[in-house]
Each structure stands twice: as structure tokens, then as C-alpha cells.
Amino acid sequence: MSDTSFLFYDSQIYNDKLYILSEDLNFTIFNDLNKNPKKLRLKQSNSVSEKIQNEKGVISGVHYLAGSVFVLYDYVKNSPADRIREIREYDLLTGKELHVIPLAFKSNKEMIRFFLTN
């Protein structure tokens, strides 16, 4: 899969392709023949990268829909009571960030997760 080490976060099949996501937002995408995997990096501005680092942001969930990947971030900051959350939507072809959805729900007990329904 990779000639360098990486921290695995998630793998999902979407549109007949296997998406493998590392914690640093790099995708390896395999087609149905597993030949020549495509590499994709989700693009973040410097301010977003700094926010993730300074506010102890972690990926809490990933969901694929209509050519986009939605990444749920949980920012713990200095204490669980001080945490915030947001969803960032990225284009699955380019890795470009499309939208940011801030979440107002606050809790020091749990992390928010995506729940899928059919």
C-alpha cells in the first residue's frame, strides 16, 4: 500500500473503490482491479492545520456522499468541557475543502459520531 509508514484511520468502499484514509488526511484509492492506486490529500489552509494542532483536533468520523467526503472534527482544547466540533466537506476528486459546518452541541461526556440511515 505505501512505502512509508502512516497512521491508519479509516477504510471504506464507495462507488466501487476502496478508500483508505490516514490520520494526516492522505487517501490511497484503489479501483476494482487494485492496480495503480491513486493518491489524494485533503487540502487544508495553514489556519485550519494550526487550529487542529493548537486545539487538539482529532477526526471523530468520516462519511462519503455524492462525490464528497465529510470529516467530523472534535477539538478538545484544554478540557473536555471546552470542546467544539465541526464537519468539513472535501471534494473526492480534488481534495479541495468545500464547506465547513460548525456544530453547536457541547458535551464533556461523549464524542459526536456520524449515524447512517438508508
PDB file of N, CA and C in Angstrom:
ATOM      1  N   MET A   1       0.797  -1.201   0.000  1.00  0.00           N
ATOM      2  CA  MET A   1       0.000   0.000   0.000  1.00  0.00           C
ATOM      3  C   MET A   1       0.839   1.265   0.000  1.00  0.00           C
ATOM      4  N   SER A   2       1.836   1.300   0.837  1.00  0.00           N
ATOM      5  CA  SER A   2       2.644   2.501   0.947  1.00  0.00           C
ATOM      6  C   SER A   2       4.075   2.103   1.239  1.00  0.00           C
ATOM      7  N   ASP A   3       5.011   2.881   0.710  1.00  0.00           N
ATOM      8  CA  ASP A   3       6.408   2.612   1.015  1.00  0.00           C
ATOM      9  C   ASP A   3       6.880   3.405   2.229  1.00  0.00           C
ATOM     10  N   THR A   4       5.994   4.198   2.809  1.00  0.00           N
ATOM     11  CA  THR A   4       6.299   4.913   4.040  1.00  0.00           C
ATOM     12  C   THR A   4       5.262   4.538   5.092  1.00  0.00           C
ATOM     13  N   SER A   5       5.622   4.714   6.343  1.00  0.00           N
ATOM     14  CA  SER A   5       4.672   4.377   7.400  1.00  0.00           C
ATOM     15  C   SER A   5       3.601   5.460   7.488  1.00  0.00           C
ATOM     16  N   PHE A   6       2.419   5.076   7.939  1.00  0.00           N
ATOM     17  CA  PHE A   6       1.347   6.025   8.120  1.00  0.00           C
ATOM     18  C   PHE A   6       0.428   5.528   9.222  1.00  0.00           C
ATOM     19  N   LEU A   7      -0.341   6.443   9.806  1.00  0.00           N
ATOM     20  CA  LEU A   7      -1.301   6.093  10.841  1.00  0.00           C
ATOM     21  C   LEU A   7      -2.665   5.918  10.190  1.00  0.00           C
ATOM     22  N   PHE A   8      -3.144   4.695  10.190  1.00  0.00           N
ATOM     23  CA  PHE A   8      -4.416   4.348   9.569  1.00  0.00           C
ATOM     24  C   PHE A   8      -5.567   4.944  10.367  1.00  0.00           C
ATOM     25  N   TYR A   9      -6.556   5.535   9.661  1.00  0.00           N
ATOM     26  CA  TYR A   9      -7.758   5.995  10.352  1.00  0.00           C
ATOM     27  C   TYR A   9      -8.998   5.238   9.900  1.00  0.00           C
ATOM     28  N   ASP A  10      -9.218   5.113   8.597  1.00  0.00           N
ATOM     29  CA  ASP A  10     -10.491   4.596   8.116  1.00  0.00           C
ATOM     30  C   ASP A  10     -10.318   3.948   6.750  1.00  0.00           C
ATOM     31  N   SER A  11     -11.168   2.967   6.470  1.00  0.00           N
ATOM     32  CA  SER A  11     -11.262   2.416   5.118  1.00  0.00           C
ATOM     33  C   SER A  11     -12.730   2.180   4.810  1.00  0.00           C
ATOM     34  N   GLN A  12     -13.116   2.543   3.596  1.00  0.00           N
ATOM     35  CA  GLN A  12     -14.500   2.349   3.164  1.00  0.00           C
ATOM     36  C   GLN A  12     -14.534   2.101   1.672  1.00  0.00           C
ATOM     37  N   ILE A  13     -15.548   1.369   1.250  1.00  0.00           N
ATOM     38  CA  ILE A  13     -15.797   1.200  -0.179  1.00  0.00           C
ATOM     39  C   ILE A  13     -16.880   2.193  -0.555  1.00  0.00           C
ATOM     40  N   TYR A  14     -16.585   2.996  -1.588  1.00  0.00           N
ATOM     41  CA  TYR A  14     -17.525   3.997  -2.070  1.00  0.00           C
ATOM     42  C   TYR A  14     -17.406   4.044  -3.588  1.00  0.00           C
ATOM     43  N   ASN A  15     -18.524   3.934  -4.294  1.00  0.00           N
ATOM     44  CA  ASN A  15     -18.536   3.948  -5.766  1.00  0.00           C
ATOM     45  C   ASN A  15     -17.545   2.957  -6.361  1.00  0.00           C
ATOM     46  N   ASP A  16     -17.550   1.731  -5.853  1.00  0.00           N
ATOM     47  CA  ASP A  16     -16.709   0.634  -6.352  1.00  0.00           C
ATOM     48  C   ASP A  16     -15.211   0.894  -6.211  1.00  0.00           C
ATOM     49  N   LYS A  17     -14.831   1.739  -5.277  1.00  0.00           N
ATOM     50  CA  LYS A  17     -13.421   1.991  -4.998  1.00  0.00           C
ATOM     51  C   LYS A  17     -13.195   1.862  -3.502  1.00  0.00           C
ATOM     52  N   LEU A  18     -12.003   1.405  -3.135  1.00  0.00           N
ATOM     53  CA  LEU A  18     -11.612   1.303  -1.738  1.00  0.00           C
ATOM     54  C   LEU A  18     -10.821   2.554  -1.365  1.00  0.00           C
ATOM     55  N   TYR A  19     -11.330   3.288  -0.372  1.00  0.00           N
ATOM     56  CA  TYR A  19     -10.675   4.497   0.120  1.00  0.00           C
ATOM     57  C   TYR A  19     -10.035   4.183   1.459  1.00  0.00           C
ATOM     58  N   ILE A  20      -8.729   4.400   1.543  1.00  0.00           N
ATOM     59  CA  ILE A  20      -8.003   4.204   2.790  1.00  0.00           C
ATOM     60  C   ILE A  20      -7.472   5.567   3.223  1.00  0.00           C
ATOM     61  N   LEU A  21      -7.893   5.993   4.410  1.00  0.00           N
ATOM     62  CA  LEU A  21      -7.558   7.322   4.905  1.00  0.00           C
ATOM     63  C   LEU A  21      -6.589   7.213   6.072  1.00  0.00           C
ATOM     64  N   SER A  22      -5.514   8.008   6.020  1.00  0.00           N
ATOM     65  CA  SER A  22      -4.582   8.083   7.141  1.00  0.00           C
ATOM     66  C   SER A  22      -4.972   9.263   8.020  1.00  0.00           C
ATOM     67  N   GLU A  23      -4.459   9.296   9.226  1.00  0.00           N
ATOM     68  CA  GLU A  23      -4.801  10.370  10.161  1.00  0.00           C
ATOM     69  C   GLU A  23      -4.332  11.741   9.694  1.00  0.00           C
ATOM     70  N   ASP A  24      -3.375  11.785   8.766  1.00  0.00           N
ATOM     71  CA  ASP A  24      -2.914  13.080   8.252  1.00  0.00           C
ATOM     72  C   ASP A  24      -3.624  13.478   6.957  1.00  0.00           C
ATOM     73  N   LEU A  25      -4.817  12.890   6.710  1.00  0.00           N
ATOM     74  CA  LEU A  25      -5.714  13.238   5.611  1.00  0.00           C
ATOM     75  C   LEU A  25      -5.189  12.869   4.231  1.00  0.00           C
ATOM     76  N   ASN A  26      -4.371  11.838   4.149  1.00  0.00           N
ATOM     77  CA  ASN A  26      -3.948  11.304   2.864  1.00  0.00           C
ATOM     78  C   ASN A  26      -4.781  10.078   2.532  1.00  0.00           C
ATOM     79  N   PHE A  27      -5.321  10.056   1.311  1.00  0.00           N
ATOM     80  CA  PHE A  27      -6.074   8.909   0.832  1.00  0.00           C
ATOM     81  C   PHE A  27      -5.231   8.085  -0.116  1.00  0.00           C
ATOM     82  N   THR A  28      -5.407   6.773  -0.061  1.00  0.00           N
ATOM     83  CA  THR A  28      -4.977   5.868  -1.116  1.00  0.00           C
ATOM     84  C   THR A  28      -6.274   5.262  -1.636  1.00  0.00           C
ATOM     85  N   ILE A  29      -6.484   5.363  -2.951  1.00  0.00           N
ATOM     86  CA  ILE A  29      -7.744   4.936  -3.549  1.00  0.00           C
ATOM     87  C   ILE A  29      -7.458   3.813  -4.538  1.00  0.00           C
ATOM     88  N   PHE A  30      -8.082   2.665  -4.299  1.00  0.00           N
ATOM     89  CA  PHE A  30      -7.912   1.505  -5.172  1.00  0.00           C
ATOM     90  C   PHE A  30      -9.171   1.314  -6.005  1.00  0.00           C
ATOM     91  N   ASN A  31      -8.970   1.019  -7.304  1.00  0.00           N
ATOM     92  CA  ASN A  31     -10.117   0.671  -8.130  1.00  0.00           C
ATOM     93  C   ASN A  31     -10.405  -0.820  -7.981  1.00  0.00           C
ATOM     94  N   ASP A  32     -11.358  -1.332  -8.747  1.00  0.00           N
ATOM     95  CA  ASP A  32     -11.763  -2.728  -8.580  1.00  0.00           C
ATOM     96  C   ASP A  32     -10.683  -3.727  -8.972  1.00  0.00           C
ATOM     97  N   LEU A  33      -9.649  -3.310  -9.692  1.00  0.00           N
ATOM     98  CA  LEU A  33      -8.573  -4.206 -10.083  1.00  0.00           C
ATOM     99  C   LEU A  33      -7.349  -4.077  -9.181  1.00  0.00           C
ATOM    100  N   ASN A  34      -7.379  -3.121  -8.251  1.00  0.00           N
ATOM    101  CA  ASN A  34      -6.258  -2.853  -7.334  1.00  0.00           C
ATOM    102  C   ASN A  34      -4.953  -2.542  -8.049  1.00  0.00           C
ATOM    103  N   LYS A  35      -5.063  -1.969  -9.239  1.00  0.00           N
ATOM    104  CA  LYS A  35      -3.863  -1.573  -9.978  1.00  0.00           C
ATOM    105  C   LYS A  35      -3.698  -0.067  -9.903  1.00  0.00           C
ATOM    106  N   ASN A  36      -2.478   0.368  -9.789  1.00  0.00           N
ATOM    107  CA  ASN A  36      -2.144   1.783  -9.775  1.00  0.00           C
ATOM    108  C   ASN A  36      -3.039   2.607  -8.846  1.00  0.00           C
ATOM    109  N   PRO A  37      -2.903   2.413  -7.549  1.00  0.00           N
ATOM    110  CA  PRO A  37      -3.742   3.190  -6.624  1.00  0.00           C
ATOM    111  C   PRO A  37      -3.496   4.690  -6.791  1.00  0.00           C
ATOM    112  N   LYS A  38      -4.551   5.444  -6.652  1.00  0.00           N
ATOM    113  CA  LYS A  38      -4.475   6.900  -6.743  1.00  0.00           C
ATOM    114  C   LYS A  38      -4.210   7.462  -5.347  1.00  0.00           C
ATOM    115  N   LYS A  39      -3.436   8.524  -5.292  1.00  0.00           N
ATOM    116  CA  LYS A  39      -3.162   9.220  -4.034  1.00  0.00           C
ATOM    117  C   LYS A  39      -3.903  10.549  -4.041  1.00  0.00           C
ATOM    118  N   LEU A  40      -4.483  10.910  -2.914  1.00  0.00           N
ATOM    119  CA  LEU A  40      -5.205  12.163  -2.785  1.00  0.00           C
ATOM    120  C   LEU A  40      -4.976  12.709  -1.384  1.00  0.00           C
ATOM    121  N   ARG A  41      -4.699  13.987  -1.301  1.00  0.00           N
ATOM    122  CA  ARG A  41      -4.551  14.637   0.002  1.00  0.00           C
ATOM    123  C   ARG A  41      -5.657  15.664   0.145  1.00  0.00           C
ATOM    124  N   LEU A  42      -6.353  15.618   1.273  1.00  0.00           N
ATOM    125  CA  LEU A  42      -7.358  16.620   1.555  1.00  0.00           C
ATOM    126  C   LEU A  42      -6.640  17.914   1.921  1.00  0.00           C
ATOM    127  N   LYS A  43      -6.987  18.976   1.229  1.00  0.00           N
ATOM    128  CA  LYS A  43      -6.265  20.244   1.372  1.00  0.00           C
ATOM    129  C   LYS A  43      -6.825  21.061   2.538  1.00  0.00           C
ATOM    130  N   GLN A  44      -5.889  21.568   3.347  1.00  0.00           N
ATOM    131  CA  GLN A  44      -6.252  22.419   4.480  1.00  0.00           C
ATOM    132  C   GLN A  44      -5.395  23.671   4.444  1.00  0.00           C
ATOM    133  N   SER A  45      -6.019  24.774   4.805  1.00  0.00           N
ATOM    134  CA  SER A  45      -5.252  26.016   4.915  1.00  0.00           C
ATOM    135  C   SER A  45      -4.348  25.919   6.136  1.00  0.00           C
ATOM    136  N   ASN A  46      -3.370  26.817   6.202  1.00  0.00           N
ATOM    137  CA  ASN A  46      -2.484  26.850   7.376  1.00  0.00           C
ATOM    138  C   ASN A  46      -3.264  27.126   8.647  1.00  0.00           C
ATOM    139  N   SER A  47      -4.301  27.967   8.564  1.00  0.00           N
ATOM    140  CA  SER A  47      -5.073  28.299   9.770  1.00  0.00           C
ATOM    141  C   SER A  47      -5.834  27.073  10.289  1.00  0.00           C
ATOM    142  N   VAL A  48      -6.338  26.230   9.383  1.00  0.00           N
ATOM    143  CA  VAL A  48      -7.031  25.011   9.807  1.00  0.00           C
ATOM    144  C   VAL A  48      -6.041  24.041  10.437  1.00  0.00           C
ATOM    145  N   SER A  49      -4.887  23.882   9.818  1.00  0.00           N
ATOM    146  CA  SER A  49      -3.851  22.994  10.376  1.00  0.00           C
ATOM    147  C   SER A  49      -3.422  23.459  11.763  1.00  0.00           C
ATOM    148  N   GLU A  50      -3.265  24.757  11.938  1.00  0.00           N
ATOM    149  CA  GLU A  50      -2.898  25.310  13.249  1.00  0.00           C
ATOM    150  C   GLU A  50      -4.015  25.086  14.266  1.00  0.00           C
ATOM    151  N   LYS A  51      -5.265  25.270  13.837  1.00  0.00           N
ATOM    152  CA  LYS A  51      -6.398  25.047  14.734  1.00  0.00           C
ATOM    153  C   LYS A  51      -6.422  23.599  15.210  1.00  0.00           C
ATOM    154  N   ILE A  52      -6.204  22.658  14.297  1.00  0.00           N
ATOM    155  CA  ILE A  52      -6.195  21.239  14.659  1.00  0.00           C
ATOM    156  C   ILE A  52      -5.091  20.961  15.673  1.00  0.00           C
ATOM    157  N   GLN A  53      -3.926  21.535  15.440  1.00  0.00           N
ATOM    158  CA  GLN A  53      -2.808  21.306  16.361  1.00  0.00           C
ATOM    159  C   GLN A  53      -3.015  22.022  17.691  1.00  0.00           C
ATOM    160  N   ASN A  54      -3.375  23.305  17.661  1.00  0.00           N
ATOM    161  CA  ASN A  54      -3.494  24.106  18.886  1.00  0.00           C
ATOM    162  C   ASN A  54      -4.677  23.703  19.753  1.00  0.00           C
ATOM    163  N   GLU A  55      -5.770  23.259  19.126  1.00  0.00           N
ATOM    164  CA  GLU A  55      -6.970  22.925  19.881  1.00  0.00           C
ATOM    165  C   GLU A  55      -7.165  21.411  20.014  1.00  0.00           C
ATOM    166  N   LYS A  56      -6.093  20.670  19.773  1.00  0.00           N
ATOM    167  CA  LYS A  56      -6.099  19.208  19.927  1.00  0.00           C
ATOM    168  C   LYS A  56      -7.237  18.567  19.134  1.00  0.00           C
ATOM    169  N   GLY A  57      -7.324  18.928  17.848  1.00  0.00           N
ATOM    170  CA  GLY A  57      -8.365  18.393  16.984  1.00  0.00           C
ATOM    171  C   GLY A  57      -8.069  16.966  16.549  1.00  0.00           C
ATOM    172  N   VAL A  58      -9.093  16.134  16.609  1.00  0.00           N
ATOM    173  CA  VAL A  58      -8.982  14.751  16.144  1.00  0.00           C
ATOM    174  C   VAL A  58     -10.155  14.444  15.220  1.00  0.00           C
ATOM    175  N   ILE A  59      -9.927  13.532  14.294  1.00  0.00           N
ATOM    176  CA  ILE A  59     -11.007  13.070  13.429  1.00  0.00           C
ATOM    177  C   ILE A  59     -11.906  12.163  14.254  1.00  0.00           C
ATOM    178  N   SER A  60     -13.192  12.453  14.231  1.00  0.00           N
ATOM    179  CA  SER A  60     -14.144  11.675  15.007  1.00  0.00           C
ATOM    180  C   SER A  60     -15.054  10.839  14.121  1.00  0.00           C
ATOM    181  N   GLY A  61     -15.058  11.118  12.812  1.00  0.00           N
ATOM    182  CA  GLY A  61     -15.889  10.353  11.893  1.00  0.00           C
ATOM    183  C   GLY A  61     -15.650  10.768  10.459  1.00  0.00           C
ATOM    184  N   VAL A  62     -15.973   9.870   9.526  1.00  0.00           N
ATOM    185  CA  VAL A  62     -15.824  10.125   8.096  1.00  0.00           C
ATOM    186  C   VAL A  62     -17.050   9.544   7.405  1.00  0.00           C
ATOM    187  N   HIS A  63     -17.603  10.299   6.441  1.00  0.00           N
ATOM    188  CA  HIS A  63     -18.759   9.820   5.682  1.00  0.00           C
ATOM    189  C   HIS A  63     -18.608  10.257   4.224  1.00  0.00           C
ATOM    190  N   TYR A  64     -18.938   9.358   3.299  1.00  0.00           N
ATOM    191  CA  TYR A  64     -18.834   9.615   1.870  1.00  0.00           C
ATOM    192  C   TYR A  64     -20.233   9.783   1.292  1.00  0.00           C
ATOM    193  N   LEU A  65     -20.425  10.830   0.458  1.00  0.00           N
ATOM    194  CA  LEU A  65     -21.737  11.070  -0.137  1.00  0.00           C
ATOM    195  C   LEU A  65     -21.586  11.984  -1.342  1.00  0.00           C
ATOM    196  N   ALA A  66     -22.154  11.574  -2.461  1.00  0.00           N
ATOM    197  CA  ALA A  66     -22.270  12.417  -3.662  1.00  0.00           C
ATOM    198  C   ALA A  66     -20.951  13.064  -4.084  1.00  0.00           C
ATOM    199  N   GLY A  67     -19.881  12.295  -4.115  1.00  0.00           N
ATOM    200  CA  GLY A  67     -18.597  12.809  -4.571  1.00  0.00           C
ATOM    201  C   GLY A  67     -17.835  13.630  -3.553  1.00  0.00           C
ATOM    202  N   SER A  68     -18.312  13.625  -2.325  1.00  0.00           N
ATOM    203  CA  SER A  68     -17.642  14.367  -1.256  1.00  0.00           C
ATOM    204  C   SER A  68     -17.321  13.430  -0.103  1.00  0.00           C
ATOM    205  N   VAL A  69     -16.349  13.841   0.698  1.00  0.00           N
ATOM    206  CA  VAL A  69     -16.088  13.169   1.965  1.00  0.00           C
ATOM    207  C   VAL A  69     -16.281  14.213   3.060  1.00  0.00           C
ATOM    208  N   PHE A  70     -17.036  13.828   4.071  1.00  0.00           N
ATOM    209  CA  PHE A  70     -17.331  14.700   5.200  1.00  0.00           C
ATOM    210  C   PHE A  70     -16.501  14.204   6.384  1.00  0.00           C
ATOM    211  N   VAL A  71     -15.684  15.088   6.933  1.00  0.00           N
ATOM    212  CA  VAL A  71     -14.815  14.734   8.056  1.00  0.00           C
ATOM    213  C   VAL A  71     -15.291  15.492   9.291  1.00  0.00           C
ATOM    214  N   LEU A  72     -15.615  14.740  10.322  1.00  0.00           N
ATOM    215  CA  LEU A  72     -16.073  15.311  11.588  1.00  0.00           C
ATOM    216  C   LEU A  72     -14.869  15.476  12.509  1.00  0.00           C
ATOM    217  N   TYR A  73     -14.620  16.708  12.938  1.00  0.00           N
ATOM    218  CA  TYR A  73     -13.511  17.004  13.841  1.00  0.00           C
ATOM    219  C   TYR A  73     -14.046  17.305  15.232  1.00  0.00           C
ATOM    220  N   ASP A  74     -13.323  16.846  16.215  1.00  0.00           N
ATOM    221  CA  ASP A  74     -13.625  17.106  17.622  1.00  0.00           C
ATOM    222  C   ASP A  74     -12.399  17.817  18.196  1.00  0.00           C
ATOM    223  N   TYR A  75     -12.583  19.052  18.676  1.00  0.00           N
ATOM    224  CA  TYR A  75     -11.495  19.844  19.251  1.00  0.00           C
ATOM    225  C   TYR A  75     -11.657  19.869  20.766  1.00  0.00           C
ATOM    226  N   VAL A  76     -10.734  19.244  21.470  1.00  0.00           N
ATOM    227  CA  VAL A  76     -10.848  19.124  22.919  1.00  0.00           C
ATOM    228  C   VAL A  76     -10.284  20.344  23.637  1.00  0.00           C
ATOM    229  N   LYS A  77      -9.410  21.077  23.026  1.00  0.00           N
ATOM    230  CA  LYS A  77      -8.735  22.227  23.628  1.00  0.00           C
ATOM    231  C   LYS A  77      -8.042  21.810  24.921  1.00  0.00           C
ATOM    232  N   ASN A  78      -8.358  22.511  26.019  1.00  0.00           N
ATOM    233  CA  ASN A  78      -7.678  22.236  27.289  1.00  0.00           C
ATOM    234  C   ASN A  78      -8.438  21.285  28.191  1.00  0.00           C
ATOM    235  N   SER A  79      -9.734  21.126  27.957  1.00  0.00           N
ATOM    236  CA  SER A  79     -10.521  20.217  28.797  1.00  0.00           C
ATOM    237  C   SER A  79     -11.724  19.727  27.998  1.00  0.00           C
ATOM    238  N   PRO A  80     -12.260  18.573  28.336  1.00  0.00           N
ATOM    239  CA  PRO A  80     -13.436  18.069  27.618  1.00  0.00           C
ATOM    240  C   PRO A  80     -14.632  19.023  27.659  1.00  0.00           C
ATOM    241  N   ALA A  81     -14.785  19.811  28.720  1.00  0.00           N
ATOM    242  CA  ALA A  81     -15.908  20.742  28.818  1.00  0.00           C
ATOM    243  C   ALA A  81     -15.754  21.918  27.854  1.00  0.00           C
ATOM    244  N   ASP A  82     -14.548  22.129  27.331  1.00  0.00           N
ATOM    245  CA  ASP A  82     -14.238  23.263  26.465  1.00  0.00           C
ATOM    246  C   ASP A  82     -14.210  22.860  24.985  1.00  0.00           C
ATOM    247  N   ARG A  83     -14.736  21.689  24.635  1.00  0.00           N
ATOM    248  CA  ARG A  83     -14.585  21.169  23.275  1.00  0.00           C
ATOM    249  C   ARG A  83     -15.610  21.771  22.313  1.00  0.00           C
ATOM    250  N   ILE A  84     -15.211  21.838  21.050  1.00  0.00           N
ATOM    251  CA  ILE A  84     -16.106  22.228  19.965  1.00  0.00           C
ATOM    252  C   ILE A  84     -15.987  21.182  18.863  1.00  0.00           C
ATOM    253  N   ARG A  85     -16.951  21.193  17.937  1.00  0.00           N
ATOM    254  CA  ARG A  85     -16.929  20.234  16.836  1.00  0.00           C
ATOM    255  C   ARG A  85     -17.306  20.942  15.547  1.00  0.00           C
ATOM    256  N   GLU A  86     -16.860  20.358  14.431  1.00  0.00           N
ATOM    257  CA  GLU A  86     -17.249  20.870  13.121  1.00  0.00           C
ATOM    258  C   GLU A  86     -17.107  19.759  12.092  1.00  0.00           C
ATOM    259  N   ILE A  87     -17.864  19.906  11.009  1.00  0.00           N
ATOM    260  CA  ILE A  87     -17.772  18.988   9.875  1.00  0.00           C
ATOM    261  C   ILE A  87     -17.179  19.773   8.717  1.00  0.00           C
ATOM    262  N   ARG A  88     -16.174  19.204   8.085  1.00  0.00           N
ATOM    263  CA  ARG A  88     -15.566  19.807   6.895  1.00  0.00           C
ATOM    264  C   ARG A  88     -15.838  18.892   5.709  1.00  0.00           C
ATOM    265  N   GLU A  89     -16.366  19.480   4.633  1.00  0.00           N
ATOM    266  CA  GLU A  89     -16.650  18.729   3.415  1.00  0.00           C
ATOM    267  C   GLU A  89     -15.529  18.963   2.408  1.00  0.00           C
ATOM    268  N   TYR A  90     -15.028  17.861   1.814  1.00  0.00           N
ATOM    269  CA  TYR A  90     -13.964  17.930   0.815  1.00  0.00           C
ATOM    270  C   TYR A  90     -14.415  17.239  -0.466  1.00  0.00           C
ATOM    271  N   ASP A  91     -13.975  17.741  -1.608  1.00  0.00           N
ATOM    272  CA  ASP A  91     -14.244  17.120  -2.902  1.00  0.00           C
ATOM    273  C   ASP A  91     -13.362  15.871  -3.040  1.00  0.00           C
ATOM    274  N   LEU A  92     -13.972  14.737  -3.413  1.00  0.00           N
ATOM    275  CA  LEU A  92     -13.214  13.485  -3.507  1.00  0.00           C
ATOM    276  C   LEU A  92     -12.339  13.398  -4.754  1.00  0.00           C
ATOM    277  N   LEU A  93     -12.512  14.271  -5.712  1.00  0.00           N
ATOM    278  CA  LEU A  93     -11.648  14.260  -6.899  1.00  0.00           C
ATOM    279  C   LEU A  93     -10.426  15.149  -6.731  1.00  0.00           C
ATOM    280  N   THR A  94     -10.608  16.300  -6.075  1.00  0.00           N
ATOM    281  CA  THR A  94      -9.522  17.273  -5.972  1.00  0.00           C
ATOM    282  C   THR A  94      -8.929  17.397  -4.572  1.00  0.00           C
ATOM    283  N   GLY A  95      -9.692  17.003  -3.543  1.00  0.00           N
ATOM    284  CA  GLY A  95      -9.246  17.178  -2.162  1.00  0.00           C
ATOM    285  C   GLY A  95      -9.537  18.563  -1.619  1.00  0.00           C
ATOM    286  N   LYS A  96     -10.129  19.437  -2.452  1.00  0.00           N
ATOM    287  CA  LYS A  96     -10.408  20.814  -2.045  1.00  0.00           C
ATOM    288  C   LYS A  96     -11.517  20.860  -1.003  1.00  0.00           C
ATOM    289  N   GLU A  97     -11.321  21.723  -0.005  1.00  0.00           N
ATOM    290  CA  GLU A  97     -12.360  21.918   1.003  1.00  0.00           C
ATOM    291  C   GLU A  97     -13.506  22.711   0.389  1.00  0.00           C
ATOM    292  N   LEU A  98     -14.743  22.219   0.597  1.00  0.00           N
ATOM    293  CA  LEU A  98     -15.919  22.853   0.013  1.00  0.00           C
ATOM    294  C   LEU A  98     -16.739  23.642   1.029  1.00  0.00           C
ATOM    295  N   HIS A  99     -16.942  23.089   2.219  1.00  0.00           N
ATOM    296  CA  HIS A  99     -17.779  23.725   3.234  1.00  0.00           C
ATOM    297  C   HIS A  99     -17.279  23.383   4.628  1.00  0.00           C
ATOM    298  N   VAL A 100     -17.634  24.251   5.570  1.00  0.00           N
ATOM    299  CA  VAL A 100     -17.401  23.993   6.982  1.00  0.00           C
ATOM    300  C   VAL A 100     -18.742  24.156   7.692  1.00  0.00           C
ATOM    301  N   ILE A 101     -19.114  23.150   8.476  1.00  0.00           N
ATOM    302  CA  ILE A 101     -20.369  23.185   9.216  1.00  0.00           C
ATOM    303  C   ILE A 101     -20.029  23.153  10.706  1.00  0.00           C
ATOM    304  N   PRO A 102     -20.121  24.302  11.401  1.00  0.00           N
ATOM    305  CA  PRO A 102     -19.858  24.295  12.847  1.00  0.00           C
ATOM    306  C   PRO A 102     -21.016  23.619  13.582  1.00  0.00           C
ATOM    307  N   LEU A 103     -20.710  22.899  14.629  1.00  0.00           N
ATOM    308  CA  LEU A 103     -21.729  22.230  15.437  1.00  0.00           C
ATOM    309  C   LEU A 103     -21.786  22.907  16.798  1.00  0.00           C
ATOM    310  N   ALA A 104     -22.987  23.256  17.229  1.00  0.00           N
ATOM    311  CA  ALA A 104     -23.160  23.996  18.473  1.00  0.00           C
ATOM    312  C   ALA A 104     -23.278  23.093  19.689  1.00  0.00           C
ATOM    313  N   PHE A 105     -23.512  21.795  19.482  1.00  0.00           N
ATOM    314  CA  PHE A 105     -23.695  20.881  20.600  1.00  0.00           C
ATOM    315  C   PHE A 105     -22.432  20.809  21.438  1.00  0.00           C
ATOM    316  N   LYS A 106     -22.564  20.971  22.742  1.00  0.00           N
ATOM    317  CA  LYS A 106     -21.414  20.867  23.650  1.00  0.00           C
ATOM    318  C   LYS A 106     -21.689  19.808  24.691  1.00  0.00           C
ATOM    319  N   SER A 107     -20.674  19.002  24.956  1.00  0.00           N
ATOM    320  CA  SER A 107     -20.786  17.959  25.973  1.00  0.00           C
ATOM    321  C   SER A 107     -19.390  17.583  26.421  1.00  0.00           C
ATOM    322  N   ASN A 108     -19.220  17.343  27.696  1.00  0.00           N
ATOM    323  CA  ASN A 108     -17.926  16.875  28.180  1.00  0.00           C
ATOM    324  C   ASN A 108     -17.930  15.358  28.357  1.00  0.00           C
ATOM    325  N   LYS A 109     -18.983  14.690  27.919  1.00  0.00           N
ATOM    326  CA  LYS A 109     -19.132  13.251  28.139  1.00  0.00           C
ATOM    327  C   LYS A 109     -18.835  12.393  26.903  1.00  0.00           C
ATOM    328  N   GLU A 110     -19.221  12.850  25.727  1.00  0.00           N
ATOM    329  CA  GLU A 110     -19.154  11.982  24.556  1.00  0.00           C
ATOM    330  C   GLU A 110     -18.599  12.707  23.348  1.00  0.00           C
ATOM    331  N   MET A 111     -18.164  11.904  22.377  1.00  0.00           N
ATOM    332  CA  MET A 111     -17.804  12.430  21.073  1.00  0.00           C
ATOM    333  C   MET A 111     -18.998  12.232  20.145  1.00  0.00           C
ATOM    334  N   ILE A 112     -19.212  13.147  19.230  1.00  0.00           N
ATOM    335  CA  ILE A 112     -20.273  13.018  18.247  1.00  0.00           C
ATOM    336  C   ILE A 112     -19.795  12.078  17.147  1.00  0.00           C
ATOM    337  N   ARG A 113     -20.692  11.275  16.606  1.00  0.00           N
ATOM    338  CA  ARG A 113     -20.378  10.359  15.513  1.00  0.00           C
ATOM    339  C   ARG A 113     -21.406  10.530  14.404  1.00  0.00           C
ATOM    340  N   PHE A 114     -21.038  10.107  13.184  1.00  0.00           N
ATOM    341  CA  PHE A 114     -21.998  10.040  12.099  1.00  0.00           C
ATOM    342  C   PHE A 114     -22.847   8.792  12.288  1.00  0.00           C
ATOM    343  N   PHE A 115     -24.131   8.906  12.068  1.00  0.00           N
ATOM    344  CA  PHE A 115     -25.009   7.752  12.038  1.00  0.00           C
ATOM    345  C   PHE A 115     -25.653   7.708  10.663  1.00  0.00           C
ATOM    346  N   LEU A 116     -25.544   6.577  10.005  1.00  0.00           N
ATOM    347  CA  LEU A 116     -26.038   6.445   8.636  1.00  0.00           C
ATOM    348  C   LEU A 116     -27.396   5.770   8.632  1.00  0.00           C
ATOM    349  N   THR A 117     -28.273   6.273   7.790  1.00  0.00           N
ATOM    350  CA  THR A 117     -29.572   5.648   7.604  1.00  0.00           C
ATOM    351  C   THR A 117     -29.791   5.401   6.131  1.00  0.00           C
ATOM    352  N   ASN A 118     -30.562   4.394   5.826  1.00  0.00           N
ATOM    353  CA  ASN A 118     -30.882   4.094   4.424  1.00  0.00           C
ATOM    354  C   ASN A 118     -32.281   4.527   4.104  1.00  0.00           C
TER     355      ASN A 118
END
